[in-house]
């Protein structure tokens, strides 16, 4: 685990290609975006990958999206962030695609079975 992998300043965010941000830092349209952002930061701080590796992997993902002809209007930025996170988590052996798919399906099932206005709880059934 690296001790010199702090991601606490604006200079760290400057390394990220096209990060949606304002004067105070990153901005998120939905809670899952902030959670995916925080997870990448935490995994980097824990030494699973450096922030430089993260920025390079994200840049690759964004380039691949552009090469596929996807619009570059920023509206899908955190979807690319999540794809990058899933790829790095798999590459580092922290999880595998089958486990991640099972977790996604469990959450989808949970929200389909949660009454409107109630908090979604993984494993809850009505």
C-alpha atoms as a PDB file:
ATOM      1  CA  UNK A   1       0.000   0.000   0.000  1.00  0.00           C
ATOM      2  CA  UNK A   2       1.355   3.383  -0.919  1.00  0.00           C
ATOM      3  CA  UNK A   3       1.545   6.150   1.626  1.00  0.00           C
ATOM      4  CA  UNK A   4       2.108   8.921  -0.930  1.00  0.00           C
ATOM      5  CA  UNK A   5      -1.122   8.543  -2.856  1.00  0.00           C
ATOM      6  CA  UNK A   6      -3.205  11.376  -1.417  1.00  0.00           C
ATOM      7  CA  UNK A   7      -6.042  12.696  -3.539  1.00  0.00           C
ATOM      8  CA  UNK A   8      -6.951  15.628  -1.385  1.00  0.00           C
ATOM      9  CA  UNK A   9      -6.189  18.686  -3.497  1.00  0.00           C
ATOM     10  CA  UNK A  10      -7.455  20.356  -6.633  1.00  0.00           C
ATOM     11  CA  UNK A  11      -4.224  19.394  -8.408  1.00  0.00           C
ATOM     12  CA  UNK A  12      -5.260  15.734  -8.088  1.00  0.00           C
ATOM     13  CA  UNK A  13      -8.578  16.428  -9.776  1.00  0.00           C
ATOM     14  CA  UNK A  14      -6.819  18.347 -12.539  1.00  0.00           C
ATOM     15  CA  UNK A  15      -5.289  15.034 -13.673  1.00  0.00           C
ATOM     16  CA  UNK A  16      -8.748  13.669 -14.460  1.00  0.00           C
ATOM     17  CA  UNK A  17      -9.919  14.167 -18.022  1.00  0.00           C
ATOM     18  CA  UNK A  18     -13.088  16.285 -18.315  1.00  0.00           C
ATOM     19  CA  UNK A  19     -14.151  15.886 -14.663  1.00  0.00           C
ATOM     20  CA  UNK A  20     -17.499  17.662 -14.079  1.00  0.00           C
ATOM     21  CA  UNK A  21     -16.585  20.258 -11.464  1.00  0.00           C
ATOM     22  CA  UNK A  22     -17.147  23.726 -10.158  1.00  0.00           C
ATOM     23  CA  UNK A  23     -14.986  25.980  -7.983  1.00  0.00           C
ATOM     24  CA  UNK A  24     -15.524  23.709  -4.971  1.00  0.00           C
ATOM     25  CA  UNK A  25     -14.594  20.451  -6.711  1.00  0.00           C
ATOM     26  CA  UNK A  26     -16.382  17.574  -8.435  1.00  0.00           C
ATOM     27  CA  UNK A  27     -20.127  17.810  -9.057  1.00  0.00           C
ATOM     28  CA  UNK A  28     -22.619  14.941  -9.273  1.00  0.00           C
ATOM     29  CA  UNK A  29     -26.120  14.748 -10.748  1.00  0.00           C
ATOM     30  CA  UNK A  30     -27.060  11.599  -8.811  1.00  0.00           C
ATOM     31  CA  UNK A  31     -25.952   9.916  -5.575  1.00  0.00           C
ATOM     32  CA  UNK A  32     -24.516   6.851  -7.353  1.00  0.00           C
ATOM     33  CA  UNK A  33     -22.069   9.130  -9.165  1.00  0.00           C
ATOM     34  CA  UNK A  34     -20.681  10.456  -5.887  1.00  0.00           C
ATOM     35  CA  UNK A  35     -20.488   6.907  -4.523  1.00  0.00           C
ATOM     36  CA  UNK A  36     -18.567   5.646  -7.573  1.00  0.00           C
ATOM     37  CA  UNK A  37     -16.256   8.648  -7.320  1.00  0.00           C
ATOM     38  CA  UNK A  38     -15.650   8.025  -3.619  1.00  0.00           C
ATOM     39  CA  UNK A  39     -15.009   4.328  -4.194  1.00  0.00           C
ATOM     40  CA  UNK A  40     -12.324   5.057  -6.794  1.00  0.00           C
ATOM     41  CA  UNK A  41     -10.708   7.589  -4.453  1.00  0.00           C
ATOM     42  CA  UNK A  42     -10.785   5.145  -1.525  1.00  0.00           C
ATOM     43  CA  UNK A  43      -9.363   2.240  -3.529  1.00  0.00           C
ATOM     44  CA  UNK A  44      -6.570   4.478  -4.759  1.00  0.00           C
ATOM     45  CA  UNK A  45      -5.844   5.724  -1.243  1.00  0.00           C
ATOM     46  CA  UNK A  46      -5.672   2.090  -0.112  1.00  0.00           C
ATOM     47  CA  UNK A  47      -3.014   1.447  -2.756  1.00  0.00           C
ATOM     48  CA  UNK A  48      -4.955  -0.765  -5.156  1.00  0.00           C
ATOM     49  CA  UNK A  49      -3.944   1.597  -7.975  1.00  0.00           C
ATOM     50  CA  UNK A  50      -2.289   4.989  -8.128  1.00  0.00           C
ATOM     51  CA  UNK A  51      -4.237   8.101  -9.002  1.00  0.00           C
ATOM     52  CA  UNK A  52      -2.062   8.419 -12.104  1.00  0.00           C
ATOM     53  CA  UNK A  53      -3.065   4.874 -13.129  1.00  0.00           C
ATOM     54  CA  UNK A  54      -6.706   5.781 -12.479  1.00  0.00           C
ATOM     55  CA  UNK A  55      -6.528   8.922 -14.619  1.00  0.00           C
ATOM     56  CA  UNK A  56      -4.858   6.998 -17.463  1.00  0.00           C
ATOM     57  CA  UNK A  57      -7.458   4.206 -17.331  1.00  0.00           C
ATOM     58  CA  UNK A  58     -10.285   6.749 -17.327  1.00  0.00           C
ATOM     59  CA  UNK A  59      -8.717   8.582 -20.276  1.00  0.00           C
ATOM     60  CA  UNK A  60      -8.578   5.254 -22.158  1.00  0.00           C
ATOM     61  CA  UNK A  61     -12.249   4.622 -21.405  1.00  0.00           C
ATOM     62  CA  UNK A  62     -13.244   8.106 -22.578  1.00  0.00           C
ATOM     63  CA  UNK A  63     -11.191   7.705 -25.766  1.00  0.00           C
ATOM     64  CA  UNK A  64     -12.811   4.331 -26.467  1.00  0.00           C
ATOM     65  CA  UNK A  65     -16.245   5.932 -26.054  1.00  0.00           C
ATOM     66  CA  UNK A  66     -15.277   8.708 -28.466  1.00  0.00           C
ATOM     67  CA  UNK A  67     -13.943   6.118 -30.926  1.00  0.00           C
ATOM     68  CA  UNK A  68     -17.348   4.379 -30.753  1.00  0.00           C
ATOM     69  CA  UNK A  69     -18.955   7.710 -31.721  1.00  0.00           C
ATOM     70  CA  UNK A  70     -20.563   8.350 -28.337  1.00  0.00           C
ATOM     71  CA  UNK A  71     -21.356  12.017 -27.688  1.00  0.00           C
ATOM     72  CA  UNK A  72     -18.816  13.988 -25.681  1.00  0.00           C
ATOM     73  CA  UNK A  73     -21.286  16.240 -23.891  1.00  0.00           C
ATOM     74  CA  UNK A  74     -20.405  15.090 -20.366  1.00  0.00           C
ATOM     75  CA  UNK A  75     -23.786  13.485 -19.711  1.00  0.00           C
ATOM     76  CA  UNK A  76     -22.278   9.990 -19.591  1.00  0.00           C
ATOM     77  CA  UNK A  77     -19.043  10.854 -17.779  1.00  0.00           C
ATOM     78  CA  UNK A  78     -19.798   8.865 -14.627  1.00  0.00           C
ATOM     79  CA  UNK A  79     -20.987   5.874 -16.642  1.00  0.00           C
ATOM     80  CA  UNK A  80     -17.470   5.831 -18.096  1.00  0.00           C
ATOM     81  CA  UNK A  81     -16.104   6.359 -14.587  1.00  0.00           C
ATOM     82  CA  UNK A  82     -18.023   3.282 -13.409  1.00  0.00           C
ATOM     83  CA  UNK A  83     -16.871   1.196 -16.393  1.00  0.00           C
ATOM     84  CA  UNK A  84     -13.281   2.177 -15.593  1.00  0.00           C
ATOM     85  CA  UNK A  85     -13.779   1.295 -11.940  1.00  0.00           C
ATOM     86  CA  UNK A  86     -15.230  -2.113 -12.805  1.00  0.00           C
ATOM     87  CA  UNK A  87     -12.354  -2.811 -15.197  1.00  0.00           C
ATOM     88  CA  UNK A  88      -9.677  -1.878 -12.628  1.00  0.00           C
ATOM     89  CA  UNK A  89     -11.390  -3.751  -9.799  1.00  0.00           C
ATOM     90  CA  UNK A  90     -11.472  -6.855 -12.004  1.00  0.00           C
ATOM     91  CA  UNK A  91      -7.874  -6.406 -13.208  1.00  0.00           C
ATOM     92  CA  UNK A  92      -6.644  -6.049  -9.614  1.00  0.00           C
ATOM     93  CA  UNK A  93      -8.535  -9.155  -8.491  1.00  0.00           C
ATOM     94  CA  UNK A  94     -10.739  -7.235  -6.048  1.00  0.00           C
ATOM     95  CA  UNK A  95     -13.890  -8.688  -7.616  1.00  0.00           C
ATOM     96  CA  UNK A  96     -14.949 -10.457 -10.775  1.00  0.00           C
ATOM     97  CA  UNK A  97     -17.560  -9.714 -13.447  1.00  0.00           C
ATOM     98  CA  UNK A  98     -19.917 -12.452 -12.233  1.00  0.00           C
ATOM     99  CA  UNK A  99     -19.910 -11.138  -8.654  1.00  0.00           C
ATOM    100  CA  UNK A 100     -20.464  -7.559  -9.831  1.00  0.00           C
ATOM    101  CA  UNK A 101     -23.338  -8.654 -12.104  1.00  0.00           C
ATOM    102  CA  UNK A 102     -24.931 -10.609  -9.249  1.00  0.00           C
ATOM    103  CA  UNK A 103     -24.732  -7.527  -7.007  1.00  0.00           C
ATOM    104  CA  UNK A 104     -26.266  -5.295  -9.713  1.00  0.00           C
ATOM    105  CA  UNK A 105     -29.093  -7.790 -10.187  1.00  0.00           C
ATOM    106  CA  UNK A 106     -29.684  -7.960  -6.418  1.00  0.00           C
ATOM    107  CA  UNK A 107     -29.978  -4.152  -6.245  1.00  0.00           C
ATOM    108  CA  UNK A 108     -32.293  -4.078  -9.280  1.00  0.00           C
ATOM    109  CA  UNK A 109     -34.495  -6.710  -7.645  1.00  0.00           C
ATOM    110  CA  UNK A 110     -34.478  -4.748  -4.392  1.00  0.00           C
ATOM    111  CA  UNK A 111     -35.603  -1.500  -5.987  1.00  0.00           C
ATOM    112  CA  UNK A 112     -38.305  -3.270  -8.011  1.00  0.00           C
ATOM    113  CA  UNK A 113     -39.706  -4.675  -4.756  1.00  0.00           C
ATOM    114  CA  UNK A 114     -39.448  -1.498  -2.680  1.00  0.00           C
ATOM    115  CA  UNK A 115     -42.614   0.547  -2.225  1.00  0.00           C
ATOM    116  CA  UNK A 116     -42.415   4.090  -3.558  1.00  0.00           C
ATOM    117  CA  UNK A 117     -40.945   6.487  -1.026  1.00  0.00           C
ATOM    118  CA  UNK A 118     -39.332   3.772   1.069  1.00  0.00           C
ATOM    119  CA  UNK A 119     -35.572   3.286   1.336  1.00  0.00           C
ATOM    120  CA  UNK A 120     -34.160   0.521  -0.808  1.00  0.00           C
ATOM    121  CA  UNK A 121     -32.645  -2.275   1.236  1.00  0.00           C
ATOM    122  CA  UNK A 122     -30.626  -4.998  -0.412  1.00  0.00           C
ATOM    123  CA  UNK A 123     -32.338  -8.343   0.097  1.00  0.00           C
ATOM    124  CA  UNK A 124     -35.744  -6.811   0.935  1.00  0.00           C
ATOM    125  CA  UNK A 125     -38.844  -8.409  -0.607  1.00  0.00           C
ATOM    126  CA  UNK A 126     -42.438  -7.312  -0.358  1.00  0.00           C
END
